Amino acid sequence: MALDIEHVLVAVDGSDESRAAAETAGAIVERYEANLHLLHFVDNRVMRDIETGTISPETIAHEQRALTERVREQLPEGVGFTASSAAGFSTTKLGQTPGTVILDVAEERGVDFLVVPRETPSGDPDEVLGKAALYVLEYASQPVLSV
């Protein structure tokens, strides 16, 4: 059975593991002549660091812009490319988790293939994107590649 992939979503958090996921998503986009949506993830630890002044929002924005440009530069010419950012947790939405955010963005954007990093910087599967990958693998209606 051949896959018909038109729109790929890759979730990233700036880690080396998520950069590898973005590269993999780029290869899929190239192979299937699909479009790519890059979803930058800001987890609750980063949000706390911003609130306490440990890290500035400008630093996070700069890192996201740099990663976005690196991914865009690796894509073949003419590929549709979009990017967005999302917080993985909400203080007002009880059910908002990293996994639900990825699936919600995928649904809103009409994505038909997902790429998520499974390994986290520490190798701990309980870290944010590690948990998200497990959730997405279990509940996504689209095919998922976890790298």
C-alpha atoms as a PDB file:
ATOM      1  CA  MET A   1       0.000   0.000   0.000  1.00  0.00           C
ATOM      2  CA  ALA A   2       1.501   3.334  -1.073  1.00  0.00           C
ATOM      3  CA  LEU A   3       1.263   6.334   1.206  1.00  0.00           C
ATOM      4  CA  ASP A   4      -0.220   9.534  -0.131  1.00  0.00           C
ATOM      5  CA  ILE A   5       1.475  12.223   1.949  1.00  0.00           C
ATOM      6  CA  GLU A   6       0.691  15.851   1.206  1.00  0.00           C
ATOM      7  CA  HIS A   7       1.252  17.634   4.521  1.00  0.00           C
ATOM      8  CA  VAL A   8       3.759  16.663   7.218  1.00  0.00           C
ATOM      9  CA  LEU A   9       3.955  18.048  10.752  1.00  0.00           C
ATOM     10  CA  VAL A  10       7.135  17.794  12.829  1.00  0.00           C
ATOM     11  CA  ALA A  11       7.221  18.758  16.514  1.00  0.00           C
ATOM     12  CA  VAL A  12      10.479  20.257  17.795  1.00  0.00           C
ATOM     13  CA  ASP A  13      11.754  21.663  21.062  1.00  0.00           C
ATOM     14  CA  GLY A  14      15.207  22.824  20.001  1.00  0.00           C
ATOM     15  CA  SER A  15      17.004  19.682  21.207  1.00  0.00           C
ATOM     16  CA  ASP A  16      19.387  17.718  18.989  1.00  0.00           C
ATOM     17  CA  GLU A  17      16.815  14.916  18.958  1.00  0.00           C
ATOM     18  CA  SER A  18      14.123  17.197  17.606  1.00  0.00           C
ATOM     19  CA  ARG A  19      16.529  18.607  15.016  1.00  0.00           C
ATOM     20  CA  ALA A  20      17.054  15.019  13.819  1.00  0.00           C
ATOM     21  CA  ALA A  21      13.267  14.621  13.638  1.00  0.00           C
ATOM     22  CA  ALA A  22      13.088  17.807  11.543  1.00  0.00           C
ATOM     23  CA  GLU A  23      15.721  16.422   9.163  1.00  0.00           C
ATOM     24  CA  THR A  24      13.747  13.187   8.850  1.00  0.00           C
ATOM     25  CA  ALA A  25      10.572  15.154   8.174  1.00  0.00           C
ATOM     26  CA  GLY A  26      12.454  17.102   5.489  1.00  0.00           C
ATOM     27  CA  ALA A  27      13.433  13.841   3.782  1.00  0.00           C
ATOM     28  CA  ILE A  28       9.808  12.683   3.839  1.00  0.00           C
ATOM     29  CA  VAL A  29       8.666  16.019   2.416  1.00  0.00           C
ATOM     30  CA  GLU A  30      11.226  15.736  -0.359  1.00  0.00           C
ATOM     31  CA  ARG A  31      10.332  12.107  -1.156  1.00  0.00           C
ATOM     32  CA  TYR A  32       6.579  12.736  -1.333  1.00  0.00           C
ATOM     33  CA  GLU A  33       6.707  16.343  -2.589  1.00  0.00           C
ATOM     34  CA  ALA A  34       4.680  17.321   0.451  1.00  0.00           C
ATOM     35  CA  ASN A  35       4.364  20.487   2.520  1.00  0.00           C
ATOM     36  CA  LEU A  36       5.873  20.861   5.986  1.00  0.00           C
ATOM     37  CA  HIS A  37       4.583  22.423   9.175  1.00  0.00           C
ATOM     38  CA  LEU A  38       7.166  22.936  11.927  1.00  0.00           C
ATOM     39  CA  LEU A  39       5.603  23.034  15.400  1.00  0.00           C
ATOM     40  CA  HIS A  40       7.913  24.596  18.000  1.00  0.00           C
ATOM     41  CA  PHE A  41       7.175  23.267  21.431  1.00  0.00           C
ATOM     42  CA  VAL A  42       7.661  25.314  24.572  1.00  0.00           C
ATOM     43  CA  ASP A  43       7.284  23.098  27.612  1.00  0.00           C
ATOM     44  CA  ASN A  44       6.253  24.118  31.107  1.00  0.00           C
ATOM     45  CA  ARG A  45       9.859  24.184  32.351  1.00  0.00           C
ATOM     46  CA  VAL A  46      10.799  26.794  29.758  1.00  0.00           C
ATOM     47  CA  MET A  47       7.662  28.777  30.569  1.00  0.00           C
ATOM     48  CA  ARG A  48       8.638  28.781  34.265  1.00  0.00           C
ATOM     49  CA  ASP A  49      12.162  29.927  33.344  1.00  0.00           C
ATOM     50  CA  ILE A  50      10.689  32.793  31.332  1.00  0.00           C
ATOM     51  CA  GLU A  51       8.407  33.761  34.221  1.00  0.00           C
ATOM     52  CA  THR A  52      11.279  33.731  36.727  1.00  0.00           C
ATOM     53  CA  GLY A  53      13.606  35.628  34.404  1.00  0.00           C
ATOM     54  CA  THR A  54      16.091  32.749  34.109  1.00  0.00           C
ATOM     55  CA  ILE A  55      15.711  32.924  30.343  1.00  0.00           C
ATOM     56  CA  SER A  56      14.292  35.677  28.210  1.00  0.00           C
ATOM     57  CA  PRO A  57      11.442  35.271  25.729  1.00  0.00           C
ATOM     58  CA  GLU A  58      13.739  36.868  23.158  1.00  0.00           C
ATOM     59  CA  THR A  59      16.253  34.035  23.608  1.00  0.00           C
ATOM     60  CA  ILE A  60      13.565  31.414  23.000  1.00  0.00           C
ATOM     61  CA  ALA A  61      12.263  33.339  19.979  1.00  0.00           C
ATOM     62  CA  HIS A  62      15.803  33.636  18.580  1.00  0.00           C
ATOM     63  CA  GLU A  63      16.368  29.872  18.993  1.00  0.00           C
ATOM     64  CA  GLN A  64      13.050  29.132  17.273  1.00  0.00           C
ATOM     65  CA  ARG A  65      13.846  31.480  14.364  1.00  0.00           C
ATOM     66  CA  ALA A  66      17.290  29.904  13.939  1.00  0.00           C
ATOM     67  CA  LEU A  67      15.859  26.379  13.868  1.00  0.00           C
ATOM     68  CA  THR A  68      13.102  27.450  11.492  1.00  0.00           C
ATOM     69  CA  GLU A  69      15.665  28.898   9.091  1.00  0.00           C
ATOM     70  CA  ARG A  70      17.863  25.775   9.255  1.00  0.00           C
ATOM     71  CA  VAL A  71      14.881  23.560   8.430  1.00  0.00           C
ATOM     72  CA  ARG A  72      13.667  25.878   5.655  1.00  0.00           C
ATOM     73  CA  GLU A  73      17.128  25.964   4.068  1.00  0.00           C
ATOM     74  CA  GLN A  74      17.240  22.165   3.878  1.00  0.00           C
ATOM     75  CA  LEU A  75      13.928  21.871   2.033  1.00  0.00           C
ATOM     76  CA  PRO A  76      13.705  21.591  -1.739  1.00  0.00           C
ATOM     77  CA  GLU A  77      12.689  24.758  -3.549  1.00  0.00           C
ATOM     78  CA  GLY A  78       8.944  25.204  -3.925  1.00  0.00           C
ATOM     79  CA  VAL A  79       7.960  23.175  -0.842  1.00  0.00           C
ATOM     80  CA  GLY A  80       5.160  24.734   1.180  1.00  0.00           C
ATOM     81  CA  PHE A  81       6.452  25.590   4.633  1.00  0.00           C
ATOM     82  CA  THR A  82       4.754  26.973   7.735  1.00  0.00           C
ATOM     83  CA  ALA A  83       5.765  27.182  11.379  1.00  0.00           C
ATOM     84  CA  SER A  84       4.030  27.852  14.656  1.00  0.00           C
ATOM     85  CA  SER A  85       4.707  27.717  18.388  1.00  0.00           C
ATOM     86  CA  ALA A  86       2.656  26.207  21.155  1.00  0.00           C
ATOM     87  CA  ALA A  87       2.923  25.794  24.888  1.00  0.00           C
ATOM     88  CA  GLY A  88       2.666  22.174  25.893  1.00  0.00           C
ATOM     89  CA  PHE A  89       0.622  22.832  28.988  1.00  0.00           C
ATOM     90  CA  SER A  90      -2.163  25.172  29.937  1.00  0.00           C
ATOM     91  CA  THR A  91      -3.222  26.486  33.312  1.00  0.00           C
ATOM     92  CA  THR A  92      -6.741  27.038  31.967  1.00  0.00           C
ATOM     93  CA  LYS A  93      -7.272  23.867  29.892  1.00  0.00           C
ATOM     94  CA  LEU A  94      -6.988  20.798  32.105  1.00  0.00           C
ATOM     95  CA  GLY A  95      -6.649  18.381  29.188  1.00  0.00           C
ATOM     96  CA  GLN A  96      -3.962  20.296  27.294  1.00  0.00           C
ATOM     97  CA  THR A  97      -0.814  18.201  27.141  1.00  0.00           C
ATOM     98  CA  PRO A  98       2.026  18.106  24.617  1.00  0.00           C
ATOM     99  CA  GLY A  99       0.443  15.149  22.852  1.00  0.00           C
ATOM    100  CA  THR A 100      -2.984  16.768  22.586  1.00  0.00           C
ATOM    101  CA  VAL A 101      -1.415  19.987  21.296  1.00  0.00           C
ATOM    102  CA  ILE A 102       0.384  18.082  18.517  1.00  0.00           C
ATOM    103  CA  LEU A 103      -2.805  16.258  17.519  1.00  0.00           C
ATOM    104  CA  ASP A 104      -4.879  19.460  17.664  1.00  0.00           C
ATOM    105  CA  VAL A 105      -2.414  21.347  15.442  1.00  0.00           C
ATOM    106  CA  ALA A 106      -2.295  18.376  13.048  1.00  0.00           C
ATOM    107  CA  GLU A 107      -6.087  18.400  12.795  1.00  0.00           C
ATOM    108  CA  GLU A 108      -6.297  22.183  12.362  1.00  0.00           C
ATOM    109  CA  ARG A 109      -3.676  22.120   9.600  1.00  0.00           C
ATOM    110  CA  GLY A 110      -5.032  19.071   7.773  1.00  0.00           C
ATOM    111  CA  VAL A 111      -1.796  17.153   8.303  1.00  0.00           C
ATOM    112  CA  ASP A 112      -1.684  13.581   7.037  1.00  0.00           C
ATOM    113  CA  PHE A 113       1.701  12.463   8.447  1.00  0.00           C
ATOM    114  CA  LEU A 114       3.400  13.227  11.779  1.00  0.00           C
ATOM    115  CA  VAL A 115       7.052  13.109  12.827  1.00  0.00           C
ATOM    116  CA  VAL A 116       7.875  13.347  16.540  1.00  0.00           C
ATOM    117  CA  PRO A 117      11.137  12.846  18.403  1.00  0.00           C
ATOM    118  CA  ARG A 118      10.874   9.960  20.833  1.00  0.00           C
ATOM    119  CA  GLU A 119      14.228  10.343  22.528  1.00  0.00           C
ATOM    120  CA  THR A 120      14.731  13.312  24.795  1.00  0.00           C
ATOM    121  CA  PRO A 121      18.025  15.087  25.566  1.00  0.00           C
ATOM    122  CA  SER A 122      18.509  13.075  28.770  1.00  0.00           C
ATOM    123  CA  GLY A 123      17.156   9.864  27.259  1.00  0.00           C
ATOM    124  CA  ASP A 124      14.350   9.966  29.831  1.00  0.00           C
ATOM    125  CA  PRO A 125      11.075   8.983  28.114  1.00  0.00           C
ATOM    126  CA  ASP A 126       9.184  10.910  30.803  1.00  0.00           C
ATOM    127  CA  GLU A 127      10.391  14.252  29.450  1.00  0.00           C
ATOM    128  CA  VAL A 128       7.926  16.387  27.543  1.00  0.00           C
ATOM    129  CA  LEU A 129       8.424  15.350  23.917  1.00  0.00           C
ATOM    130  CA  GLY A 130       9.057  11.748  24.956  1.00  0.00           C
ATOM    131  CA  LYS A 131       5.631  11.646  26.595  1.00  0.00           C
ATOM    132  CA  ALA A 132       4.115  13.446  23.633  1.00  0.00           C
ATOM    133  CA  ALA A 133       5.532  10.864  21.230  1.00  0.00           C
ATOM    134  CA  LEU A 134       3.935   8.024  23.161  1.00  0.00           C
ATOM    135  CA  TYR A 135       0.596   9.831  23.257  1.00  0.00           C
ATOM    136  CA  VAL A 136       0.718  10.713  19.550  1.00  0.00           C
ATOM    137  CA  LEU A 137       1.675   7.154  18.591  1.00  0.00           C
ATOM    138  CA  GLU A 138      -1.306   5.846  20.530  1.00  0.00           C
ATOM    139  CA  TYR A 139      -3.999   8.349  19.531  1.00  0.00           C
ATOM    140  CA  ALA A 140      -3.128   9.840  16.126  1.00  0.00           C
ATOM    141  CA  SER A 141      -5.404   9.011  13.233  1.00  0.00           C
ATOM    142  CA  GLN A 142      -2.534   9.807  10.836  1.00  0.00           C
ATOM    143  CA  PRO A 143       0.583   7.706  10.285  1.00  0.00           C
ATOM    144  CA  VAL A 144       3.318   8.653  12.784  1.00  0.00           C
ATOM    145  CA  LEU A 145       7.072   8.273  12.612  1.00  0.00           C
ATOM    146  CA  SER A 146       8.796   8.572  15.962  1.00  0.00           C
ATOM    147  CA  VAL A 147      12.552   9.057  15.640  1.00  0.00           C
END
